Amino acid sequence: MPYQREAEIVLALWREVERNLEAAEPESAEAEALMADAARFRDEYQRLINAAIEHRRPVPPDPV
């Protein structure tokens, strides 16, 4: 499985959600949905890192 490529996609989506969250009205339904999406993408990114380590593949970069 190409962990790095999949991680790049997840990271791009995560960053987009974070940008949208900055523009959202705090404590709005939109902001809450975006926070949930960000958490989901963060968890997915961590899953990909763990899978890469488990399968001794190159680890995706840290999401800085």
N, C-alpha and C. Protein backbone atom coordinates (compact mmCIF):
# COMPACT_ATOMS: atom_id res chain seq x y z
N MET A 1 0.85 -1.19 0.00
CA MET A 1 0.00 0.00 0.00
C MET A 1 0.89 1.25 0.00
N PRO A 2 0.61 2.19 -0.83
CA PRO A 2 1.43 3.42 -0.90
C PRO A 2 1.08 4.40 0.23
N TYR A 3 1.61 4.15 1.39
CA TYR A 3 1.25 4.94 2.57
C TYR A 3 1.56 6.42 2.40
N GLN A 4 2.70 6.72 1.81
CA GLN A 4 3.06 8.13 1.67
C GLN A 4 2.10 8.88 0.76
N ARG A 5 1.72 8.29 -0.34
CA ARG A 5 0.80 8.96 -1.27
C ARG A 5 -0.57 9.14 -0.61
N GLU A 6 -1.06 8.11 0.03
CA GLU A 6 -2.35 8.22 0.71
C GLU A 6 -2.28 9.26 1.82
N ALA A 7 -1.16 9.28 2.53
CA ALA A 7 -0.98 10.26 3.60
C ALA A 7 -0.96 11.68 3.04
N GLU A 8 -0.37 11.88 1.88
CA GLU A 8 -0.36 13.21 1.25
C GLU A 8 -1.78 13.69 0.97
N ILE A 9 -2.62 12.79 0.51
CA ILE A 9 -4.01 13.14 0.22
C ILE A 9 -4.75 13.49 1.51
N VAL A 10 -4.60 12.65 2.52
CA VAL A 10 -5.26 12.89 3.80
C VAL A 10 -4.77 14.20 4.41
N LEU A 11 -3.47 14.45 4.33
CA LEU A 11 -2.91 15.67 4.88
C LEU A 11 -3.45 16.91 4.16
N ALA A 12 -3.57 16.83 2.84
CA ALA A 12 -4.12 17.95 2.08
C ALA A 12 -5.57 18.23 2.49
N LEU A 13 -6.35 17.17 2.66
CA LEU A 13 -7.74 17.34 3.09
C LEU A 13 -7.80 17.91 4.50
N TRP A 14 -6.94 17.43 5.38
CA TRP A 14 -6.88 17.90 6.76
C TRP A 14 -6.55 19.39 6.79
N ARG A 15 -5.57 19.80 6.00
CA ARG A 15 -5.19 21.21 5.96
C ARG A 15 -6.31 22.09 5.41
N GLU A 16 -7.02 21.57 4.42
CA GLU A 16 -8.16 22.33 3.87
C GLU A 16 -9.23 22.53 4.93
N VAL A 17 -9.51 21.49 5.68
CA VAL A 17 -10.50 21.59 6.76
C VAL A 17 -10.03 22.60 7.80
N GLU A 18 -8.76 22.58 8.15
CA GLU A 18 -8.22 23.53 9.13
C GLU A 18 -8.37 24.97 8.63
N ARG A 19 -8.11 25.20 7.35
CA ARG A 19 -8.29 26.55 6.78
C ARG A 19 -9.76 26.96 6.84
N ASN A 20 -10.65 26.06 6.50
CA ASN A 20 -12.07 26.36 6.56
C ASN A 20 -12.52 26.62 8.00
N LEU A 21 -11.92 25.92 8.93
CA LEU A 21 -12.25 26.10 10.34
C LEU A 21 -11.86 27.50 10.81
N GLU A 22 -10.72 28.00 10.35
CA GLU A 22 -10.30 29.35 10.71
C GLU A 22 -11.31 30.40 10.23
N ALA A 23 -11.97 30.13 9.11
CA ALA A 23 -12.92 31.08 8.54
C ALA A 23 -14.34 30.91 9.11
N ALA A 24 -14.58 29.80 9.78
CA ALA A 24 -15.92 29.52 10.30
C ALA A 24 -16.20 30.33 11.56
N GLU A 25 -17.46 30.60 11.76
CA GLU A 25 -17.91 31.29 12.97
C GLU A 25 -17.67 30.36 14.17
N PRO A 26 -16.93 30.83 15.18
CA PRO A 26 -16.67 29.98 16.35
C PRO A 26 -17.97 29.46 16.98
N GLU A 27 -17.93 28.22 17.41
CA GLU A 27 -19.04 27.55 18.08
C GLU A 27 -20.29 27.38 17.21
N SER A 28 -20.14 27.57 15.90
CA SER A 28 -21.27 27.35 15.00
C SER A 28 -21.36 25.86 14.66
N ALA A 29 -22.46 25.47 14.07
CA ALA A 29 -22.62 24.08 13.63
C ALA A 29 -21.56 23.74 12.59
N GLU A 30 -21.24 24.70 11.74
CA GLU A 30 -20.20 24.48 10.72
C GLU A 30 -18.85 24.22 11.38
N ALA A 31 -18.51 25.03 12.39
CA ALA A 31 -17.24 24.86 13.09
C ALA A 31 -17.18 23.50 13.78
N GLU A 32 -18.26 23.09 14.38
CA GLU A 32 -18.29 21.79 15.04
C GLU A 32 -18.09 20.65 14.05
N ALA A 33 -18.75 20.75 12.90
CA ALA A 33 -18.59 19.73 11.86
C ALA A 33 -17.15 19.71 11.34
N LEU A 34 -16.57 20.88 11.16
CA LEU A 34 -15.19 20.96 10.69
C LEU A 34 -14.21 20.40 11.72
N MET A 35 -14.47 20.65 12.99
CA MET A 35 -13.61 20.08 14.04
C MET A 35 -13.69 18.55 14.03
N ALA A 36 -14.87 18.03 13.80
CA ALA A 36 -15.03 16.57 13.72
C ALA A 36 -14.28 16.03 12.51
N ASP A 37 -14.38 16.73 11.38
CA ASP A 37 -13.64 16.31 10.18
C ASP A 37 -12.14 16.36 10.42
N ALA A 38 -11.65 17.42 11.07
CA ALA A 38 -10.22 17.54 11.35
C ALA A 38 -9.76 16.38 12.24
N ALA A 39 -10.54 16.04 13.23
CA ALA A 39 -10.18 14.92 14.11
C ALA A 39 -10.15 13.61 13.32
N ARG A 40 -11.10 13.44 12.43
CA ARG A 40 -11.14 12.21 11.62
C ARG A 40 -9.91 12.12 10.72
N PHE A 41 -9.54 13.24 10.07
CA PHE A 41 -8.36 13.23 9.21
C PHE A 41 -7.08 13.03 10.03
N ARG A 42 -6.99 13.63 11.23
CA ARG A 42 -5.84 13.44 12.09
C ARG A 42 -5.70 11.96 12.46
N ASP A 43 -6.81 11.33 12.82
CA ASP A 43 -6.79 9.91 13.18
C ASP A 43 -6.41 9.04 11.98
N GLU A 44 -6.92 9.38 10.81
CA GLU A 44 -6.58 8.62 9.60
C GLU A 44 -5.10 8.77 9.28
N TYR A 45 -4.56 9.97 9.43
CA TYR A 45 -3.15 10.20 9.18
C TYR A 45 -2.30 9.36 10.15
N GLN A 46 -2.69 9.34 11.41
CA GLN A 46 -1.96 8.53 12.39
C GLN A 46 -2.06 7.06 12.06
N ARG A 47 -3.22 6.61 11.59
CA ARG A 47 -3.38 5.21 11.19
C ARG A 47 -2.41 4.85 10.07
N LEU A 48 -2.25 5.76 9.11
CA LEU A 48 -1.32 5.52 8.00
C LEU A 48 0.12 5.46 8.48
N ILE A 49 0.48 6.30 9.42
CA ILE A 49 1.83 6.25 9.98
C ILE A 49 2.05 4.91 10.68
N ASN A 50 1.09 4.50 11.48
CA ASN A 50 1.21 3.22 12.20
C ASN A 50 1.29 2.05 11.23
N ALA A 51 0.51 2.09 10.16
CA ALA A 51 0.54 1.01 9.17
C ALA A 51 1.89 0.97 8.45
N ALA A 52 2.43 2.13 8.13
CA ALA A 52 3.74 2.18 7.47
C ALA A 52 4.81 1.58 8.38
N ILE A 53 4.77 1.92 9.64
CA ILE A 53 5.74 1.37 10.60
C ILE A 53 5.57 -0.14 10.70
N GLU A 54 4.33 -0.57 10.82
CA GLU A 54 4.04 -2.01 10.96
C GLU A 54 4.54 -2.81 9.76
N HIS A 55 4.41 -2.24 8.57
CA HIS A 55 4.82 -2.94 7.35
C HIS A 55 6.22 -2.55 6.88
N ARG A 56 6.94 -1.85 7.75
CA ARG A 56 8.31 -1.45 7.48
C ARG A 56 8.45 -0.70 6.15
N ARG A 57 7.56 0.24 5.98
CA ARG A 57 7.56 1.10 4.79
C ARG A 57 8.00 2.50 5.22
N PRO A 58 8.40 3.35 4.29
CA PRO A 58 8.76 4.73 4.66
C PRO A 58 7.58 5.41 5.35
N VAL A 59 7.87 6.09 6.42
CA VAL A 59 6.84 6.75 7.22
C VAL A 59 6.51 8.11 6.60
N PRO A 60 5.22 8.45 6.49
CA PRO A 60 4.84 9.78 5.99
C PRO A 60 5.43 10.86 6.89
N PRO A 61 5.66 12.05 6.35
CA PRO A 61 6.25 13.11 7.16
C PRO A 61 5.29 13.61 8.23
N ASP A 62 5.85 14.24 9.26
CA ASP A 62 5.03 14.85 10.31
C ASP A 62 4.21 15.99 9.71
N PRO A 63 2.96 16.12 10.10
CA PRO A 63 2.11 17.19 9.57
C PRO A 63 2.42 18.52 10.27
N VAL A 64 3.36 19.24 9.75
CA VAL A 64 3.78 20.50 10.38
C VAL A 64 2.94 21.64 9.90
